[in-house]
């Protein structure tokens, strides 16, 4: 196998792994958007309650997931 093909496969695998890490780190966001779409809040009170509950449950998880994702991405791109 030539060096050029091997290098292309290595970069492709790094890009694919980076994409997977980002998608996994954003799972709380996908859950929030799915819940918002399913509940379809019509009044401001329902919207505020849904946002508050989502922020309470998924806010900390999202921050931790993003920090871990950044650390993993830095590790694989170095």
N, C-alpha and C. Protein backbone atom coordinates (compact mmCIF):
# COMPACT_ATOMS: atom_id res chain seq x y z
N UNK A 1 0.85 -1.17 0.00
CA UNK A 1 0.00 0.00 0.00
C UNK A 1 0.90 1.24 0.00
N UNK A 2 0.56 2.16 -0.84
CA UNK A 2 1.38 3.36 -0.93
C UNK A 2 1.17 4.25 0.29
N UNK A 3 2.13 5.09 0.52
CA UNK A 3 2.07 5.98 1.67
C UNK A 3 0.91 6.96 1.54
N UNK A 4 0.63 7.39 0.33
CA UNK A 4 -0.44 8.36 0.09
C UNK A 4 -1.81 7.76 0.46
N UNK A 5 -2.08 6.51 0.06
CA UNK A 5 -3.34 5.86 0.39
C UNK A 5 -3.46 5.65 1.90
N UNK A 6 -2.35 5.27 2.53
CA UNK A 6 -2.37 5.05 3.97
C UNK A 6 -2.66 6.35 4.71
N UNK A 7 -2.05 7.46 4.25
CA UNK A 7 -2.27 8.76 4.86
C UNK A 7 -3.71 9.21 4.68
N UNK A 8 -4.28 8.96 3.50
CA UNK A 8 -5.68 9.32 3.24
C UNK A 8 -6.61 8.53 4.17
N UNK A 9 -6.36 7.24 4.35
CA UNK A 9 -7.19 6.43 5.23
C UNK A 9 -7.06 6.88 6.68
N UNK A 10 -5.87 7.28 7.07
CA UNK A 10 -5.67 7.75 8.45
C UNK A 10 -6.45 9.03 8.70
N UNK A 11 -6.37 9.99 7.77
CA UNK A 11 -7.12 11.24 7.94
C UNK A 11 -8.62 11.01 7.86
N UNK A 12 -9.05 10.11 7.01
CA UNK A 12 -10.46 9.80 6.91
C UNK A 12 -10.98 9.21 8.22
N UNK A 13 -10.21 8.32 8.82
CA UNK A 13 -10.64 7.73 10.09
C UNK A 13 -10.66 8.78 11.21
N UNK A 14 -9.72 9.72 11.18
CA UNK A 14 -9.70 10.78 12.20
C UNK A 14 -10.92 11.69 12.03
N UNK A 15 -11.24 12.04 10.80
CA UNK A 15 -12.43 12.86 10.55
C UNK A 15 -13.70 12.14 10.96
N UNK A 16 -13.80 10.87 10.65
CA UNK A 16 -14.99 10.10 11.01
C UNK A 16 -15.13 10.00 12.52
N UNK A 17 -14.02 9.72 13.21
CA UNK A 17 -14.05 9.64 14.66
C UNK A 17 -14.41 10.99 15.27
N UNK A 18 -13.93 12.09 14.70
CA UNK A 18 -14.26 13.43 15.18
C UNK A 18 -15.76 13.69 15.03
N UNK A 19 -16.31 13.30 13.90
CA UNK A 19 -17.75 13.47 13.68
C UNK A 19 -18.56 12.69 14.71
N UNK A 20 -18.16 11.46 14.99
CA UNK A 20 -18.86 10.63 15.97
C UNK A 20 -18.79 11.24 17.36
N UNK A 21 -17.62 11.76 17.73
CA UNK A 21 -17.46 12.39 19.04
C UNK A 21 -18.37 13.61 19.18
N UNK A 22 -18.45 14.43 18.14
CA UNK A 22 -19.30 15.62 18.19
C UNK A 22 -20.77 15.24 18.28
N UNK A 23 -21.19 14.25 17.52
CA UNK A 23 -22.59 13.81 17.57
C UNK A 23 -22.93 13.27 18.96
N UNK A 24 -22.04 12.48 19.55
CA UNK A 24 -22.28 11.95 20.89
C UNK A 24 -22.29 13.05 21.95
N UNK A 25 -21.45 14.06 21.78
CA UNK A 25 -21.41 15.15 22.75
C UNK A 25 -22.68 15.99 22.72
N UNK A 26 -23.37 15.99 21.60
CA UNK A 26 -24.57 16.81 21.45
C UNK A 26 -25.86 16.05 21.70
N UNK A 27 -25.78 14.86 22.27
CA UNK A 27 -26.99 14.07 22.54
C UNK A 27 -28.00 14.82 23.42
N UNK A 28 -27.59 15.51 24.50
CA UNK A 28 -28.59 16.27 25.27
C UNK A 28 -29.30 17.33 24.44
N UNK A 29 -28.61 17.93 23.50
CA UNK A 29 -29.25 18.91 22.63
C UNK A 29 -30.28 18.24 21.72
N UNK A 30 -29.93 17.07 21.18
CA UNK A 30 -30.89 16.35 20.34
C UNK A 30 -32.12 15.97 21.16
N UNK A 31 -31.93 15.55 22.41
CA UNK A 31 -33.07 15.18 23.26
C UNK A 31 -33.96 16.39 23.51
N UNK A 32 -33.34 17.54 23.81
CA UNK A 32 -34.12 18.76 24.03
C UNK A 32 -34.92 19.15 22.79
N UNK A 33 -34.27 19.14 21.64
CA UNK A 33 -34.97 19.51 20.41
C UNK A 33 -36.09 18.53 20.07
N UNK A 34 -35.86 17.26 20.33
CA UNK A 34 -36.91 16.25 20.10
C UNK A 34 -38.09 16.48 21.04
N UNK A 35 -37.81 16.73 22.31
CA UNK A 35 -38.89 16.97 23.27
C UNK A 35 -39.66 18.24 22.91
N UNK A 36 -38.96 19.26 22.49
CA UNK A 36 -39.63 20.50 22.11
C UNK A 36 -40.51 20.29 20.88
N UNK A 37 -40.04 19.48 19.94
CA UNK A 37 -40.84 19.19 18.75
C UNK A 37 -42.06 18.34 19.12
N UNK A 38 -41.88 17.36 20.02
CA UNK A 38 -43.00 16.49 20.38
C UNK A 38 -44.06 17.21 21.21
N UNK A 39 -43.63 18.05 22.15
CA UNK A 39 -44.60 18.76 23.00
C UNK A 39 -45.22 19.94 22.29
N UNK A 40 -44.52 20.52 21.34
CA UNK A 40 -45.00 21.67 20.56
C UNK A 40 -45.66 22.73 21.46
N UNK A 41 -44.83 23.40 22.29
CA UNK A 41 -45.40 24.37 23.23
C UNK A 41 -46.06 25.54 22.51
N UNK A 42 -47.28 25.83 22.95
CA UNK A 42 -48.03 26.92 22.32
C UNK A 42 -48.02 28.17 23.18
N UNK A 43 -48.04 28.01 24.49
CA UNK A 43 -48.05 29.18 25.35
C UNK A 43 -46.64 29.47 25.87
N UNK A 44 -46.46 30.66 26.34
CA UNK A 44 -45.16 31.06 26.85
C UNK A 44 -44.82 30.29 28.12
N UNK A 45 -45.84 29.99 28.94
CA UNK A 45 -45.60 29.28 30.19
C UNK A 45 -45.07 27.86 29.93
N UNK A 46 -45.67 27.17 28.99
CA UNK A 46 -45.22 25.82 28.65
C UNK A 46 -43.81 25.86 28.08
N UNK A 47 -43.53 26.87 27.28
CA UNK A 47 -42.19 27.02 26.70
C UNK A 47 -41.15 27.26 27.79
N UNK A 48 -41.48 28.12 28.74
CA UNK A 48 -40.55 28.40 29.85
C UNK A 48 -40.35 27.16 30.71
N UNK A 49 -41.42 26.42 31.01
CA UNK A 49 -41.30 25.21 31.81
C UNK A 49 -40.46 24.15 31.10
N UNK A 50 -40.69 23.97 29.82
CA UNK A 50 -39.91 22.99 29.06
C UNK A 50 -38.44 23.39 29.00
N UNK A 51 -38.17 24.67 28.81
CA UNK A 51 -36.79 25.14 28.79
C UNK A 51 -36.13 24.98 30.15
N UNK A 52 -36.86 25.30 31.22
CA UNK A 52 -36.31 25.18 32.57
C UNK A 52 -36.00 23.75 32.94
N UNK A 53 -36.91 22.84 32.66
CA UNK A 53 -36.68 21.42 32.96
C UNK A 53 -35.53 20.88 32.13
N UNK A 54 -35.48 21.25 30.87
CA UNK A 54 -34.38 20.79 30.01
C UNK A 54 -33.04 21.36 30.47
N UNK A 55 -33.03 22.61 30.85
CA UNK A 55 -31.79 23.22 31.33
C UNK A 55 -31.33 22.56 32.62
N UNK A 56 -32.27 22.25 33.51
CA UNK A 56 -31.93 21.63 34.78
C UNK A 56 -31.36 20.23 34.57
N UNK A 57 -32.00 19.42 33.73
CA UNK A 57 -31.57 18.04 33.54
C UNK A 57 -30.40 17.89 32.57
N UNK A 58 -30.40 18.66 31.49
CA UNK A 58 -29.41 18.46 30.44
C UNK A 58 -28.29 19.50 30.43
N UNK A 59 -28.42 20.58 31.17
CA UNK A 59 -27.42 21.65 31.15
C UNK A 59 -26.05 21.19 31.62
N UNK A 60 -26.00 20.57 32.78
CA UNK A 60 -24.72 20.09 33.30
C UNK A 60 -24.14 18.97 32.46
N UNK A 61 -25.00 18.08 32.01
CA UNK A 61 -24.54 16.98 31.17
C UNK A 61 -23.95 17.51 29.87
N UNK A 62 -24.58 18.53 29.29
CA UNK A 62 -24.09 19.09 28.03
C UNK A 62 -22.72 19.73 28.20
N UNK A 63 -22.55 20.46 29.29
CA UNK A 63 -21.25 21.11 29.52
C UNK A 63 -20.15 20.08 29.71
N UNK A 64 -20.42 19.06 30.50
CA UNK A 64 -19.43 18.00 30.71
C UNK A 64 -19.14 17.27 29.41
N UNK A 65 -20.16 16.98 28.62
CA UNK A 65 -19.96 16.28 27.35
C UNK A 65 -19.13 17.12 26.37
N UNK A 66 -19.34 18.42 26.35
CA UNK A 66 -18.57 19.28 25.44
C UNK A 66 -17.11 19.35 25.88
N UNK A 67 -16.87 19.44 27.19
CA UNK A 67 -15.49 19.48 27.68
C UNK A 67 -14.76 18.17 27.34
N UNK A 68 -15.44 17.05 27.56
CA UNK A 68 -14.83 15.75 27.22
C UNK A 68 -14.59 15.65 25.72
N UNK A 69 -15.55 16.11 24.91
CA UNK A 69 -15.39 16.06 23.46
C UNK A 69 -14.21 16.90 23.00
N UNK A 70 -14.05 18.09 23.58
CA UNK A 70 -12.92 18.94 23.21
C UNK A 70 -11.61 18.26 23.57
N UNK A 71 -11.56 17.64 24.74
CA UNK A 71 -10.33 16.93 25.15
C UNK A 71 -10.02 15.78 24.21
N UNK A 72 -11.04 15.01 23.83
CA UNK A 72 -10.83 13.89 22.92
C UNK A 72 -10.40 14.38 21.54
N UNK A 73 -11.03 15.44 21.05
CA UNK A 73 -10.66 15.97 19.74
C UNK A 73 -9.23 16.52 19.72
N UNK A 74 -8.84 17.18 20.80
CA UNK A 74 -7.46 17.66 20.88
C UNK A 74 -6.49 16.48 20.89
N UNK A 75 -6.86 15.42 21.62
CA UNK A 75 -5.97 14.24 21.70
C UNK A 75 -5.83 13.54 20.35
N UNK A 76 -6.90 13.42 19.59
CA UNK A 76 -6.79 12.68 18.33
C UNK A 76 -6.20 13.52 17.20
N UNK A 77 -6.29 14.84 17.29
CA UNK A 77 -5.75 15.67 16.22
C UNK A 77 -4.30 16.06 16.43
N UNK A 78 -3.75 15.73 17.57
CA UNK A 78 -2.32 16.05 17.79
C UNK A 78 -1.43 14.97 17.29
